[in-house]
């Protein structure tokens, strides 16, 4: 799996599509690029990012969106794709119990896409089975 270098020089995993998009943006004369810049085109300071993030959170809360909605959506999409609870927990940083809770309480009951995906997998498995 491709990796990208994080701010602290650590390597972080990225999917191939994201890595390709970022690589395509790299200037020809530079071997690295900053992705998150402030309105002045400079790297964020800790305080500057915190202040700007806080403003965006307040705006999102006015329309009923929270940070946890992003993580929950990620969990739901991975489940819809057929990822196991264990795999989702590994990549999201949740415990398996937290992943199960998110899926059971917030998404599975109301997510027709997840229900359809389960039925599609069942049909696929049954079509390969001789009765």
Protein backbone atom coordinates (compact mmCIF):
# COMPACT_ATOMS: atom_id res chain seq x y z
CA UNK A 1 0.00 0.00 0.00
CA UNK A 2 1.37 3.45 -0.85
CA UNK A 3 2.45 5.74 1.94
CA UNK A 4 2.65 9.48 2.43
CA UNK A 5 4.92 11.34 4.79
CA UNK A 6 3.14 13.00 7.68
CA UNK A 7 4.14 16.25 9.36
CA UNK A 8 6.27 14.43 11.94
CA UNK A 9 8.20 12.51 9.24
CA UNK A 10 6.21 9.35 9.98
CA UNK A 11 4.87 7.38 7.04
CA UNK A 12 1.09 6.98 6.85
CA UNK A 13 -0.86 4.62 4.60
CA UNK A 14 -2.91 6.08 1.78
CA UNK A 15 -5.04 4.38 -0.81
CA UNK A 16 -3.64 4.28 -4.34
CA UNK A 17 -6.17 6.75 -5.72
CA UNK A 18 -5.35 9.41 -3.12
CA UNK A 19 -1.61 8.86 -3.56
CA UNK A 20 -1.99 9.23 -7.33
CA UNK A 21 -3.95 12.48 -6.99
CA UNK A 22 -1.36 13.94 -4.65
CA UNK A 23 1.58 12.80 -6.79
CA UNK A 24 -0.02 14.44 -9.84
CA UNK A 25 -0.08 17.77 -7.99
CA UNK A 26 3.58 17.74 -7.00
CA UNK A 27 5.56 20.50 -8.64
CA UNK A 28 8.20 19.14 -11.04
CA UNK A 29 11.04 20.80 -9.12
CA UNK A 30 10.01 19.69 -5.62
CA UNK A 31 9.99 16.33 -3.94
CA UNK A 32 7.35 17.28 -1.39
CA UNK A 33 4.30 19.41 -1.08
CA UNK A 34 2.22 20.73 1.79
CA UNK A 35 -1.43 19.80 1.57
CA UNK A 36 -3.09 21.68 4.42
CA UNK A 37 -2.31 25.37 4.17
CA UNK A 38 -3.92 28.36 5.80
CA UNK A 39 -5.59 31.23 3.90
CA UNK A 40 -2.16 32.85 3.40
CA UNK A 41 -0.75 29.74 1.74
CA UNK A 42 1.45 28.92 4.73
CA UNK A 43 1.55 25.75 6.86
CA UNK A 44 -0.88 25.82 9.76
CA UNK A 45 0.32 26.67 13.22
CA UNK A 46 -1.24 24.61 15.99
CA UNK A 47 -3.20 27.60 17.33
CA UNK A 48 -4.24 28.78 13.86
CA UNK A 49 -5.61 25.38 12.93
CA UNK A 50 -7.40 25.02 16.27
CA UNK A 51 -9.08 28.41 15.84
CA UNK A 52 -10.16 27.76 12.25
CA UNK A 53 -11.30 24.24 13.04
CA UNK A 54 -13.38 25.60 15.93
CA UNK A 55 -15.15 28.05 13.61
CA UNK A 56 -15.98 25.27 11.16
CA UNK A 57 -17.25 23.01 13.94
CA UNK A 58 -19.60 25.75 15.14
CA UNK A 59 -20.94 26.13 11.59
CA UNK A 60 -21.38 22.37 11.22
CA UNK A 61 -23.16 22.08 14.56
CA UNK A 62 -25.69 24.67 13.41
CA UNK A 63 -26.75 22.27 10.66
CA UNK A 64 -26.49 19.20 12.90
CA UNK A 65 -23.20 17.67 11.71
CA UNK A 66 -20.50 16.49 14.11
CA UNK A 67 -16.99 15.09 13.80
CA UNK A 68 -18.36 11.73 14.88
CA UNK A 69 -20.66 11.76 11.84
CA UNK A 70 -17.55 11.64 9.64
CA UNK A 71 -16.18 8.62 11.47
CA UNK A 72 -19.58 6.94 11.52
CA UNK A 73 -19.98 7.48 7.80
CA UNK A 74 -16.54 5.96 7.23
CA UNK A 75 -17.52 2.91 9.29
CA UNK A 76 -20.80 2.54 7.43
CA UNK A 77 -19.17 2.80 4.01
CA UNK A 78 -16.54 0.20 4.86
CA UNK A 79 -19.26 -2.15 6.12
CA UNK A 80 -21.25 -1.57 2.91
CA UNK A 81 -18.16 -2.56 0.92
CA UNK A 82 -17.99 -5.82 2.87
CA UNK A 83 -15.12 -5.02 5.24
CA UNK A 84 -15.11 -7.01 8.47
CA UNK A 85 -15.64 -5.35 11.83
CA UNK A 86 -12.04 -6.24 12.72
CA UNK A 87 -10.69 -4.53 9.59
CA UNK A 88 -12.84 -1.45 10.15
CA UNK A 89 -11.61 -1.20 13.75
CA UNK A 90 -7.98 -1.45 12.63
CA UNK A 91 -8.20 1.38 10.13
CA UNK A 92 -10.61 3.68 12.03
CA UNK A 93 -8.94 3.48 15.43
CA UNK A 94 -12.15 2.25 17.09
CA UNK A 95 -12.41 -0.89 19.18
CA UNK A 96 -14.46 -3.71 17.65
CA UNK A 97 -17.15 -3.03 20.25
CA UNK A 98 -17.31 0.63 19.18
CA UNK A 99 -17.60 -0.33 15.50
CA UNK A 100 -20.41 -2.76 16.32
CA UNK A 101 -22.16 -0.12 18.39
CA UNK A 102 -21.96 2.50 15.64
CA UNK A 103 -23.28 0.04 13.07
CA UNK A 104 -26.06 -1.29 15.27
CA UNK A 105 -27.29 1.94 16.81
CA UNK A 106 -26.79 4.51 14.12
CA UNK A 107 -26.57 2.96 10.70
CA UNK A 108 -27.71 -0.63 10.25
CA UNK A 109 -31.31 -0.05 11.23
CA UNK A 110 -31.81 2.76 8.74
CA UNK A 111 -29.29 2.04 6.00
CA UNK A 112 -30.96 0.39 3.02
CA UNK A 113 -27.61 0.25 1.22
CA UNK A 114 -26.16 -1.99 3.92
CA UNK A 115 -29.22 -4.22 3.85
CA UNK A 116 -29.03 -4.47 0.06
CA UNK A 117 -25.32 -5.32 0.23
CA UNK A 118 -25.98 -8.16 2.67
CA UNK A 119 -28.69 -9.61 0.41
CA UNK A 120 -26.45 -9.26 -2.67
CA UNK A 121 -23.64 -11.16 -0.92
CA UNK A 122 -26.08 -13.84 0.18
CA UNK A 123 -27.39 -14.23 -3.37
CA UNK A 124 -23.87 -14.39 -4.76
CA UNK A 125 -22.91 -17.07 -2.25
CA UNK A 126 -26.09 -19.06 -2.88
CA UNK A 127 -25.65 -18.94 -6.65
CA UNK A 128 -22.36 -20.79 -6.28
CA UNK A 129 -23.83 -23.43 -4.00
CA UNK A 130 -25.40 -26.61 -5.32
CA UNK A 131 -28.57 -27.61 -3.49
